[in-house]
Protein backbone atom coordinates (compact mmCIF):
# COMPACT_ATOMS: atom_id res chain seq x y z
CA MET A 1 17.34 -5.46 22.68
CA GLU A 2 19.59 -4.40 19.80
CA THR A 3 18.71 -7.33 17.54
CA LYS A 4 15.02 -6.42 17.65
CA GLN A 5 15.81 -2.81 16.67
CA ASN A 6 18.12 -4.08 13.92
CA LEU A 7 15.32 -6.29 12.58
CA LYS A 8 12.94 -3.29 12.54
CA THR A 9 15.54 -1.21 10.70
CA ALA A 10 16.27 -4.02 8.26
CA PHE A 11 12.56 -4.60 7.63
CA ALA A 12 12.03 -0.90 6.87
CA GLY A 13 15.05 -0.75 4.59
CA GLU A 14 14.19 -3.89 2.65
CA SER A 15 10.55 -2.76 2.31
CA GLN A 16 11.59 0.63 0.97
CA ALA A 17 14.10 -0.94 -1.42
CA ASN A 18 11.35 -3.18 -2.80
CA ARG A 19 9.04 -0.26 -3.56
CA LYS A 20 11.86 1.90 -4.94
CA TYR A 21 13.07 -0.85 -7.28
CA LEU A 22 9.54 -1.41 -8.57
CA ALA A 23 9.32 2.31 -9.37
CA PHE A 24 12.72 2.07 -11.07
CA ALA A 25 11.43 -0.90 -13.11
CA GLN A 26 8.47 1.15 -14.34
CA GLN A 27 10.81 3.94 -15.41
CA ALA A 28 13.12 1.51 -17.21
CA GLU A 29 10.08 0.09 -19.05
CA ARG A 30 8.98 3.59 -20.10
CA GLU A 31 12.49 4.26 -21.41
CA GLY A 32 12.50 1.02 -23.44
CA TYR A 33 14.79 -1.14 -21.29
CA PRO A 34 12.68 -4.23 -20.53
CA VAL A 35 15.58 -6.41 -19.35
CA ILE A 36 16.83 -3.77 -16.92
CA ALA A 37 13.22 -3.41 -15.76
CA GLY A 38 13.19 -7.17 -15.19
CA LEU A 39 16.37 -6.92 -13.15
CA PHE A 40 14.78 -4.25 -10.93
CA ARG A 41 11.65 -6.43 -10.49
CA ALA A 42 13.73 -9.52 -9.65
CA VAL A 43 15.78 -7.69 -7.04
CA ALA A 44 12.60 -6.11 -5.67
CA GLU A 45 11.18 -9.60 -5.14
CA ALA A 46 14.37 -10.65 -3.35
CA GLU A 47 14.03 -7.59 -1.10
CA THR A 48 10.47 -8.73 -0.32
CA ILE A 49 11.80 -12.11 0.78
CA HIS A 50 14.27 -10.35 3.07
CA ALA A 51 11.58 -8.05 4.49
CA HIS A 52 9.19 -10.94 5.17
CA THR A 53 11.94 -12.89 6.91
CA HIS A 54 12.73 -9.92 9.18
CA LEU A 55 9.03 -9.32 9.93
CA ARG A 56 8.49 -12.99 10.85
CA ASN A 57 11.58 -12.91 13.07
CA LEU A 58 10.09 -9.87 14.82
CA GLY A 59 6.89 -11.85 15.45
CA GLY A 60 5.07 -9.35 13.25
CA VAL A 61 2.78 -11.80 11.45
CA GLY A 62 -0.13 -13.19 13.42
CA ASP A 63 -3.33 -14.95 12.53
CA THR A 64 -5.62 -13.26 10.01
CA LEU A 65 -7.80 -11.53 12.60
CA THR A 66 -4.74 -10.14 14.37
CA ASN A 67 -3.27 -9.01 11.06
CA LEU A 68 -6.53 -7.33 10.01
CA THR A 69 -6.79 -5.56 13.35
CA GLU A 70 -3.23 -4.29 12.98
CA ALA A 71 -3.98 -3.20 9.41
CA VAL A 72 -6.99 -1.14 10.58
CA ALA A 73 -4.86 0.50 13.26
CA GLY A 74 -2.18 1.34 10.71
CA GLU A 75 -4.67 2.85 8.27
CA ASN A 76 -6.30 4.87 11.06
CA TYR A 77 -2.90 6.16 12.18
CA GLU A 78 -2.13 7.37 8.66
CA VAL A 79 -5.53 9.07 8.30
CA ASN A 80 -5.72 10.66 11.74
CA GLN A 81 -2.11 11.36 12.65
CA MET A 82 0.41 10.96 9.87
CA TYR A 83 -1.07 12.55 6.75
CA PRO A 84 -2.89 15.61 8.15
CA GLY A 85 0.34 17.20 9.38
CA MET A 86 2.22 16.19 6.26
CA VAL A 87 -0.43 17.73 4.00
CA ALA A 88 -0.39 20.95 6.05
CA THR A 89 3.42 21.15 5.84
CA ALA A 90 3.46 20.52 2.09
CA GLU A 91 0.80 23.18 1.55
CA ALA A 92 2.67 25.68 3.76
CA GLU A 93 5.83 25.04 1.75
CA GLY A 94 4.00 25.52 -1.55
CA GLU A 95 4.49 21.88 -2.53
CA THR A 96 1.04 21.54 -4.09
CA ARG A 97 1.78 18.35 -6.04
CA ALA A 98 3.12 16.61 -2.94
CA ALA A 99 0.15 17.87 -0.91
CA GLN A 100 -2.30 16.51 -3.51
CA GLY A 101 -0.59 13.13 -3.53
CA MET A 102 -0.76 12.98 0.26
CA ARG A 103 -4.43 14.03 0.26
CA TYR A 104 -5.19 11.25 -2.22
CA ALA A 105 -3.32 8.77 -0.04
CA MET A 106 -5.13 9.95 3.08
CA GLU A 107 -8.54 9.56 1.42
CA VAL A 108 -7.67 6.11 0.12
CA GLU A 109 -6.34 5.01 3.53
CA LYS A 110 -9.82 5.76 4.93
CA ILE A 111 -11.27 3.38 2.35
CA HIS A 112 -8.63 0.76 3.11
CA GLY A 113 -9.57 0.90 6.79
CA GLN A 114 -13.22 0.36 5.87
CA LEU A 115 -12.33 -2.58 3.62
CA PHE A 116 -10.28 -4.17 6.40
CA GLU A 117 -13.23 -3.65 8.79
CA GLN A 118 -15.47 -5.47 6.29
CA ALA A 119 -12.96 -8.30 6.20
CA ILE A 120 -12.96 -8.47 10.01
CA ALA A 121 -16.76 -8.68 10.03
CA ALA A 122 -16.69 -11.46 7.44
CA LEU A 123 -14.02 -13.37 9.36
CA ARG A 124 -15.92 -13.05 12.63
CA GLY A 125 -18.94 -14.44 10.79
CA GLY A 126 -16.88 -17.45 9.76
CA LYS A 127 -16.59 -16.36 6.14
CA ASP A 128 -14.18 -14.91 3.65
CA LEU A 129 -15.01 -11.80 1.64
CA ALA A 130 -17.49 -12.31 -1.19
CA ALA A 131 -15.42 -10.43 -3.79
CA ASP A 132 -13.08 -12.53 -5.91
CA SER A 133 -11.20 -9.62 -7.40
CA PHE A 134 -10.16 -6.10 -6.59
CA HIS A 135 -9.41 -3.09 -8.75
CA ILE A 136 -6.89 -0.39 -7.91
CA CYS A 137 -6.80 3.14 -9.32
CA PRO A 138 -3.35 3.69 -10.86
CA VAL A 139 -3.41 7.38 -9.95
CA CYS A 140 -4.40 7.45 -6.27
CA GLY A 141 -4.60 3.81 -5.18
CA HIS A 142 -8.38 3.76 -4.59
CA THR A 143 -9.28 0.13 -3.95
CA GLU A 144 -12.58 -1.37 -5.03
CA PHE A 145 -14.06 -4.81 -4.33
CA GLY A 146 -15.19 -6.34 -7.63
CA PRO A 147 -15.47 -4.24 -10.78
CA PRO A 148 -14.11 -0.71 -10.87
CA PRO A 149 -16.39 2.33 -10.75
CA GLU A 150 -16.93 4.38 -13.89
CA ARG A 151 -14.73 7.12 -12.38
CA CYS A 152 -12.51 7.04 -9.32
CA PRO A 153 -14.31 8.65 -6.38
CA VAL A 154 -11.02 10.04 -5.05
CA CYS A 155 -9.16 11.43 -8.08
CA ASN A 156 -11.72 11.10 -10.92
CA ALA A 157 -9.52 8.81 -13.04
CA LYS A 158 -11.34 6.64 -15.57
CA GLY A 159 -12.49 3.31 -14.20
CA SER A 160 -11.17 1.65 -17.36
CA SER A 161 -7.63 2.48 -16.18
CA TYR A 162 -7.98 0.53 -12.91
CA ILE A 163 -5.58 -2.38 -12.31
CA LEU A 164 -7.08 -5.81 -11.66
CA VAL A 165 -5.77 -7.63 -8.57
CA ARG A 166 -6.79 -11.17 -7.66
């Protein structure tokens, strides 16, 4: 069905636009343009609305257990299939910075899969997760329940640089 493929394409495009505009907002902030940064963030949020609409119309949002199960599968795909070949290609092409970024992502995706598995176990036990906050490494994306570690176990960034997420 062409509409279903169009929705998948639109979801991917809107999702990528969101992330790109958020990166553009960070750059505008660094360059001293806070209002332009705000414009990028506002449009990024609008792109999120579009992406969520397309995903819902695809039937891509289920109950929490279904969503967690899909999240684990996605993380496992990235760790076992997507990133290994990408890292090898980047290394073969001498793109060491790209290879390092992909290795970091691959290591963090393993952790994400484990965190989602913990959430599944909690849900199956009739509970939510015990943590009330999360911390994210701004260098590699390492995700930690509760307070950050002293140093990131993936990239060795200082724990004091972690971003709080509630």
